[in-house]
Amino acid sequence: MAKVSVIIPIGPGESGPFALLNALVLLPPKWEVIFALCEPRDDLAVYCNKRVYTVISFQGRALQMNTAARAAQGEVLWFLHLDSILTIDMISALQRGLKSAPAALQYFRLAFDQDGAGPTRLNAWAANLRSRRLGVPFGDQGLCLSAQHFHALGGYPEHAPYGEDHLLVWHARQRGIRLHELDATLCTSARKYRARGWFRLTAVYQWRWMSQALPQYIRLLGCQWARRRSVKSAP
């Protein structure tokens, strides 16, 4: 089984408690964990050891994750948000997915914790439908792919003002990397919907991903056409 590097970006001022950090003990012993930081943090020292360490870069989620990915020693990179809830079922599903589809971009079904506001079950249902039918999972679904593919894609686009995970998925599909939904659900915090308002945040997210997706979909069609043309012209 390939060694996995678990990369967890942590922004400035993010504070816990976060269940994810206490659940890191569930990971297989050979896997490593990298906290992708933009500033030193003394409160993470209790979690650090030979296989759990920090990498510091300039601020920005994409930049932090790319910096951690360059430092990673695993053949596979698994990106987890800090408010994700890690379970044994998720780890087992990922191990099965890496064995059955090692070249794919893996992602989990999404669920929201009960710490939010509004019908977040609807948001999760829509996210799972979008992922399965349209092939557009987001970063809170625990994206995982080989380090080789990740670096070939150029990592997360650091110029994007938002949606770097969304763009990574599109870039993978444009390169012909297939998606693979894992047989487990990743539950994540919904507190952002309580803090910013369910309707307002849902509307912002929908507008952002759809406006970002349109040019990427057009580019995907062009890439697929070029691949078919290349196959037909091959001797």
Protein backbone atom coordinates (compact mmCIF):
# COMPACT_ATOMS: atom_id res chain seq x y z
CA MET A 1 0.00 0.00 0.00
CA ALA A 2 1.31 3.44 -0.95
CA LYS A 3 2.40 5.81 1.78
CA VAL A 4 -0.05 8.67 2.24
CA SER A 5 0.79 12.23 3.26
CA VAL A 6 -2.18 13.90 4.96
CA ILE A 7 -2.05 17.67 4.43
CA ILE A 8 -4.13 19.93 6.68
CA PRO A 9 -4.11 23.67 5.87
CA ILE A 10 -4.58 25.93 8.88
CA GLY A 11 -5.28 29.63 8.41
CA PRO A 12 -4.40 32.51 10.72
CA GLY A 13 -6.47 32.66 13.87
CA GLU A 14 -8.19 29.29 13.39
CA SER A 15 -8.78 27.84 16.82
CA GLY A 16 -10.32 24.68 18.15
CA PRO A 17 -10.99 22.40 19.66
CA PHE A 18 -10.90 20.41 16.42
CA ALA A 19 -11.85 16.74 16.59
CA LEU A 20 -9.67 16.02 13.56
CA LEU A 21 -6.42 16.61 15.43
CA ASN A 22 -7.28 14.16 18.21
CA ALA A 23 -8.32 11.57 15.61
CA LEU A 24 -4.95 11.56 13.84
CA VAL A 25 -3.98 8.56 15.97
CA LEU A 26 -6.37 6.51 13.81
CA LEU A 27 -4.11 6.86 10.78
CA PRO A 28 -1.83 3.96 9.78
CA PRO A 29 1.63 4.27 11.38
CA LYS A 30 3.46 4.74 8.07
CA TRP A 31 1.33 7.70 6.99
CA GLU A 32 2.59 11.21 7.68
CA VAL A 33 0.66 14.34 8.61
CA ILE A 34 1.68 17.86 7.59
CA PHE A 35 0.11 20.98 9.08
CA ALA A 36 0.29 23.61 6.31
CA LEU A 37 0.67 26.88 8.23
CA CYS A 38 1.18 30.54 7.42
CA GLU A 39 2.52 31.40 10.87
CA PRO A 40 4.15 29.54 13.78
CA ARG A 41 1.73 27.98 16.28
CA ASP A 42 2.74 26.69 19.69
CA ASP A 43 -0.62 24.98 20.27
CA LEU A 44 0.10 22.32 17.65
CA ALA A 45 3.30 21.12 19.31
CA VAL A 46 1.38 18.52 21.34
CA TYR A 47 0.36 16.77 18.09
CA CYS A 48 3.78 16.84 16.46
CA ASN A 49 6.18 13.90 16.41
CA LYS A 50 8.32 12.03 13.89
CA ARG A 51 5.43 11.61 11.46
CA VAL A 52 3.39 14.72 12.28
CA TYR A 53 5.07 18.04 11.56
CA THR A 54 4.46 21.59 10.37
CA VAL A 55 5.43 23.47 7.22
CA ILE A 56 5.19 27.27 7.12
CA SER A 57 4.71 29.41 3.99
CA PHE A 58 3.18 32.74 3.10
CA GLN A 59 -0.55 33.05 3.78
CA GLY A 60 -3.03 31.56 1.31
CA ARG A 61 -4.69 28.14 1.33
CA ALA A 62 -3.36 27.15 -2.11
CA LEU A 63 0.15 28.36 -1.34
CA GLN A 64 0.20 26.62 2.03
CA MET A 65 -1.01 23.31 0.59
CA ASN A 66 1.44 23.47 -2.33
CA THR A 67 4.32 24.14 0.06
CA ALA A 68 3.31 21.16 2.19
CA ALA A 69 2.91 18.98 -0.91
CA ARG A 70 6.47 19.76 -1.97
CA ALA A 71 7.71 18.71 1.46
CA ALA A 72 5.59 15.55 1.54
CA GLN A 73 7.30 12.19 1.22
CA GLY A 74 4.21 10.12 0.49
CA GLU A 75 3.31 8.75 -2.92
CA VAL A 76 -0.26 9.90 -2.29
CA LEU A 77 -1.50 13.29 -1.04
CA TRP A 78 -4.70 13.51 0.99
CA PHE A 79 -5.98 17.04 1.67
CA LEU A 80 -8.24 17.41 4.70
CA HIS A 81 -9.87 20.55 6.02
CA LEU A 82 -9.34 21.31 9.70
CA ASP A 83 -13.05 21.00 10.50
CA SER A 84 -13.34 17.51 8.97
CA ILE A 85 -14.28 14.59 11.22
CA LEU A 86 -11.90 11.67 10.65
CA THR A 87 -13.20 8.10 11.08
CA ILE A 88 -11.91 4.57 10.66
CA ASP A 89 -14.52 4.02 7.93
CA MET A 90 -13.01 6.88 5.93
CA ILE A 91 -9.48 5.53 6.25
CA SER A 92 -10.57 2.02 5.25
CA ALA A 93 -12.54 3.36 2.27
CA LEU A 94 -9.54 5.40 1.12
CA GLN A 95 -7.25 2.38 1.36
CA ARG A 96 -9.68 0.35 -0.75
CA GLY A 97 -10.00 3.19 -3.25
CA LEU A 98 -6.24 3.57 -3.62
CA LYS A 99 -5.96 -0.16 -4.24
CA SER A 100 -8.78 -0.37 -6.81
CA ALA A 101 -8.24 2.99 -8.56
CA PRO A 102 -4.71 4.23 -7.78
CA ALA A 103 -4.60 6.67 -10.70
CA ALA A 104 -7.92 8.37 -9.87
CA LEU A 105 -8.69 11.52 -7.92
CA GLN A 106 -10.49 10.19 -4.85
CA TYR A 107 -13.19 12.01 -2.91
CA PHE A 108 -15.78 11.25 -0.23
CA ARG A 109 -19.50 11.76 0.02
CA LEU A 110 -20.26 14.86 2.07
CA ALA A 111 -22.34 15.39 5.20
CA PHE A 112 -22.58 18.35 7.55
CA ASP A 113 -22.41 18.26 11.33
CA GLN A 114 -25.32 19.61 13.38
CA ASP A 115 -23.46 22.76 14.45
CA GLY A 116 -24.78 24.96 11.64
CA ALA A 117 -28.00 26.73 10.72
CA GLY A 118 -30.50 26.23 7.94
CA PRO A 119 -31.15 23.10 5.84
CA THR A 120 -27.51 22.05 5.47
CA ARG A 121 -28.69 18.53 4.63
CA LEU A 122 -29.89 20.05 1.37
CA ASN A 123 -26.43 21.50 0.77
CA ALA A 124 -24.84 18.09 1.35
CA TRP A 125 -27.37 16.38 -0.92
CA ALA A 126 -26.70 18.93 -3.67
CA ALA A 127 -22.92 18.58 -3.25
CA ASN A 128 -23.13 14.80 -3.59
CA LEU A 129 -25.40 15.07 -6.61
CA ARG A 130 -23.06 17.62 -8.22
CA SER A 131 -20.05 15.39 -7.57
CA ARG A 132 -21.66 12.26 -8.94
CA ARG A 133 -23.54 13.70 -11.92
CA LEU A 134 -21.34 16.62 -12.93
CA GLY A 135 -17.97 15.39 -11.69
CA VAL A 136 -17.27 18.43 -9.49
CA PRO A 137 -16.38 17.52 -5.89
CA PHE A 138 -15.02 20.27 -3.65
CA GLY A 139 -12.16 20.41 -1.15
CA ASP A 140 -14.34 19.70 1.88
CA GLN A 141 -14.88 16.22 0.40
CA GLY A 142 -11.31 15.20 1.21
CA LEU A 143 -9.60 15.24 -2.20
CA CYS A 144 -6.85 12.65 -2.57
CA LEU A 145 -4.57 11.88 -5.53
CA SER A 146 -1.09 10.67 -6.31
CA ALA A 147 1.76 13.10 -5.70
CA GLN A 148 2.87 12.49 -9.29
CA HIS A 149 -0.47 13.63 -10.70
CA PHE A 150 -0.68 16.56 -8.28
CA HIS A 151 2.70 17.98 -9.28
CA ALA A 152 2.04 17.32 -12.99
CA LEU A 153 -1.11 19.45 -12.64
CA GLY A 154 0.95 22.27 -11.15
CA GLY A 155 -0.68 21.88 -7.73
CA TYR A 156 -3.40 24.19 -6.52
CA PRO A 157 -3.64 27.40 -8.59
CA GLU A 158 -2.21 30.07 -6.31
CA HIS A 159 -3.54 32.97 -8.38
CA ALA A 160 -7.21 32.04 -7.84
CA PRO A 161 -9.03 34.35 -5.38
CA TYR A 162 -11.18 31.37 -4.32
CA GLY A 163 -12.07 27.84 -5.40
CA GLU A 164 -8.53 26.48 -5.75
CA ASP A 165 -9.82 22.98 -4.92
CA HIS A 166 -12.59 23.33 -7.51
CA LEU A 167 -10.04 24.34 -10.15
CA LEU A 168 -7.73 21.44 -9.27
CA VAL A 169 -10.56 19.01 -10.00
CA TRP A 170 -11.22 20.64 -13.38
CA HIS A 171 -7.52 20.57 -14.26
CA ALA A 172 -7.40 16.88 -13.36
CA ARG A 173 -10.36 16.08 -15.58
CA GLN A 174 -8.86 18.10 -18.42
CA ARG A 175 -5.76 15.91 -18.15
CA GLY A 176 -7.90 12.79 -18.37
CA ILE A 177 -7.64 11.85 -14.68
CA ARG A 178 -10.87 10.16 -13.68
CA LEU A 179 -12.76 10.75 -10.45
CA HIS A 180 -13.57 8.04 -7.94
CA GLU A 181 -16.19 8.41 -5.22
CA LEU A 182 -15.14 6.54 -2.10
CA ASP A 183 -17.56 4.35 -0.20
CA ALA A 184 -17.68 6.49 2.94
CA THR A 185 -19.04 9.82 4.11
CA LEU A 186 -16.92 12.71 5.34
CA CYS A 187 -18.74 14.83 7.91
CA THR A 188 -17.58 18.41 8.29
CA SER A 189 -18.57 21.37 10.42
CA ALA A 190 -21.44 23.59 9.27
CA ARG A 191 -20.73 26.44 11.66
CA LYS A 192 -19.88 28.79 8.77
CA TYR A 193 -23.57 28.68 7.77
CA ARG A 194 -24.53 29.78 11.27
CA ALA A 195 -21.91 32.55 11.31
CA ARG A 196 -22.64 34.00 7.86
CA GLY A 197 -26.25 33.00 7.29
CA TRP A 198 -27.46 29.92 5.41
CA PHE A 199 -29.13 31.65 2.46
CA ARG A 200 -26.38 34.23 1.93
CA LEU A 201 -23.52 31.72 2.07
CA THR A 202 -25.33 29.17 -0.10
CA ALA A 203 -26.01 31.82 -2.75
CA VAL A 204 -22.37 32.98 -2.70
CA TYR A 205 -21.05 29.44 -3.09
CA GLN A 206 -23.44 28.61 -5.93
CA TRP A 207 -22.57 31.76 -7.85
CA ARG A 208 -18.85 31.25 -7.39
CA TRP A 209 -18.65 27.64 -8.48
CA MET A 210 -20.94 28.05 -11.47
CA SER A 211 -19.16 31.16 -12.77
CA GLN A 212 -15.81 29.42 -12.28
CA ALA A 213 -17.02 26.18 -13.86
CA LEU A 214 -18.23 27.54 -17.21
CA PRO A 215 -14.82 28.40 -18.75
CA GLN A 216 -13.34 25.22 -17.26
CA TYR A 217 -16.08 23.10 -18.85
CA ILE A 218 -15.43 24.67 -22.23
CA ARG A 219 -11.74 23.91 -21.80
CA LEU A 220 -12.60 20.32 -20.81
CA LEU A 221 -14.56 19.84 -24.02
CA GLY A 222 -11.57 21.11 -25.99
CA CYS A 223 -9.23 18.70 -24.20
CA GLN A 224 -11.55 15.76 -24.81
CA TRP A 225 -11.85 16.66 -28.49
CA ALA A 226 -8.05 16.90 -28.79
CA ARG A 227 -7.58 13.47 -27.18
CA ARG A 228 -10.13 11.85 -29.49
CA ARG A 229 -8.49 13.47 -32.49
CA SER A 230 -5.09 12.24 -31.33
CA VAL A 231 -6.38 8.68 -30.97
CA LYS A 232 -7.95 8.70 -34.44
CA SER A 233 -4.79 10.04 -36.07
CA ALA A 234 -2.49 7.54 -34.35
CA PRO A 235 -1.06 4.87 -36.72
